[in-house]
Amino acid sequence: MAILINLDVMLAKRKVSSKDLAEAVGITPQNLSVLKTGKAKAIRFSTLDAICKFLECQPGDILEFRDEEGNVNI
């Protein structure tokens, strides 16, 4: 998939556990795990908004686009 999820990187940078983020955002740890591993097919803007507020980051810090060769196109 061309969209990569860097949620684990942001969690490490902010020194926040997945459990704490799941509780703060109001989603289950299982659903957060699906999102972290890139297995999610979609994310609600309200969930992304809550994650960004809690981690004090931008959506681009969590979501990244790469083409089939792994290049970042800006």
Protein backbone atom coordinates (compact mmCIF):
# COMPACT_ATOMS: atom_id res chain seq x y z
CA MET A 1 0.00 0.00 0.00
CA ALA A 2 1.22 3.50 -0.79
CA ILE A 3 -0.05 5.03 2.44
CA LEU A 4 2.19 4.27 5.42
CA ILE A 5 1.18 4.70 9.05
CA ASN A 6 3.88 6.15 11.28
CA LEU A 7 1.84 6.03 14.46
CA ASP A 8 4.36 3.84 16.26
CA VAL A 9 7.07 6.42 15.50
CA MET A 10 4.94 9.24 16.95
CA LEU A 11 4.13 7.16 20.02
CA ALA A 12 7.84 6.58 20.59
CA LYS A 13 8.69 10.26 20.05
CA ARG A 14 6.01 11.35 22.54
CA LYS A 15 6.79 8.45 24.90
CA VAL A 16 3.14 7.46 24.99
CA SER A 17 1.90 3.89 25.23
CA SER A 18 -0.65 2.48 22.82
CA LYS A 19 -2.95 1.83 25.76
CA ASP A 20 -2.83 5.47 26.87
CA LEU A 21 -3.50 6.70 23.34
CA ALA A 22 -6.40 4.28 22.88
CA GLU A 23 -7.98 5.45 26.12
CA ALA A 24 -7.47 9.14 25.27
CA VAL A 25 -8.88 8.77 21.77
CA GLY A 26 -11.72 6.47 22.73
CA ILE A 27 -10.94 3.48 20.54
CA THR A 28 -10.16 -0.06 21.53
CA PRO A 29 -6.53 -1.18 21.82
CA GLN A 30 -7.32 -3.78 19.15
CA ASN A 31 -8.49 -1.12 16.68
CA LEU A 32 -5.44 1.00 17.49
CA SER A 33 -3.26 -2.02 16.80
CA VAL A 34 -4.94 -2.50 13.41
CA LEU A 35 -4.23 1.15 12.64
CA LYS A 36 -0.61 0.98 13.87
CA THR A 37 0.20 -2.06 11.77
CA GLY A 38 -1.21 -0.50 8.59
CA LYS A 39 -3.96 -3.08 8.28
CA ALA A 40 -6.75 -0.52 8.59
CA LYS A 41 -8.67 0.26 5.41
CA ALA A 42 -9.85 3.66 6.65
CA ILE A 43 -9.59 6.14 9.49
CA ARG A 44 -12.27 8.59 10.56
CA PHE A 45 -11.27 12.23 10.52
CA SER A 46 -12.60 12.47 14.08
CA THR A 47 -10.18 9.70 15.15
CA LEU A 48 -7.28 11.31 13.30
CA ASP A 49 -8.19 14.65 14.87
CA ALA A 50 -8.21 13.12 18.37
CA ILE A 51 -4.88 11.37 17.78
CA CYS A 52 -3.26 14.56 16.51
CA LYS A 53 -4.60 16.57 19.46
CA PHE A 54 -3.36 14.02 21.99
CA LEU A 55 0.08 13.56 20.36
CA GLU A 56 0.37 17.27 19.42
CA CYS A 57 1.23 16.51 15.84
CA GLN A 58 -0.01 16.98 12.28
CA PRO A 59 -1.78 14.30 10.20
CA GLY A 60 1.32 14.22 7.98
CA ASP A 61 3.35 13.07 10.97
CA ILE A 62 1.17 9.95 11.09
CA LEU A 63 0.27 9.31 7.44
CA GLU A 64 2.88 9.13 4.68
CA PHE A 65 2.52 8.50 0.93
CA ARG A 66 5.15 6.49 -0.96
CA ASP A 67 4.94 5.30 -4.54
CA GLU A 68 5.49 1.68 -5.59
CA GLU A 69 9.28 2.18 -5.63
CA GLY A 70 9.24 3.57 -2.10
CA ASN A 71 9.87 7.15 -3.15
CA VAL A 72 8.22 10.05 -1.38
CA ASN A 73 6.57 12.32 -3.94
CA ILE A 74 6.04 15.86 -2.82
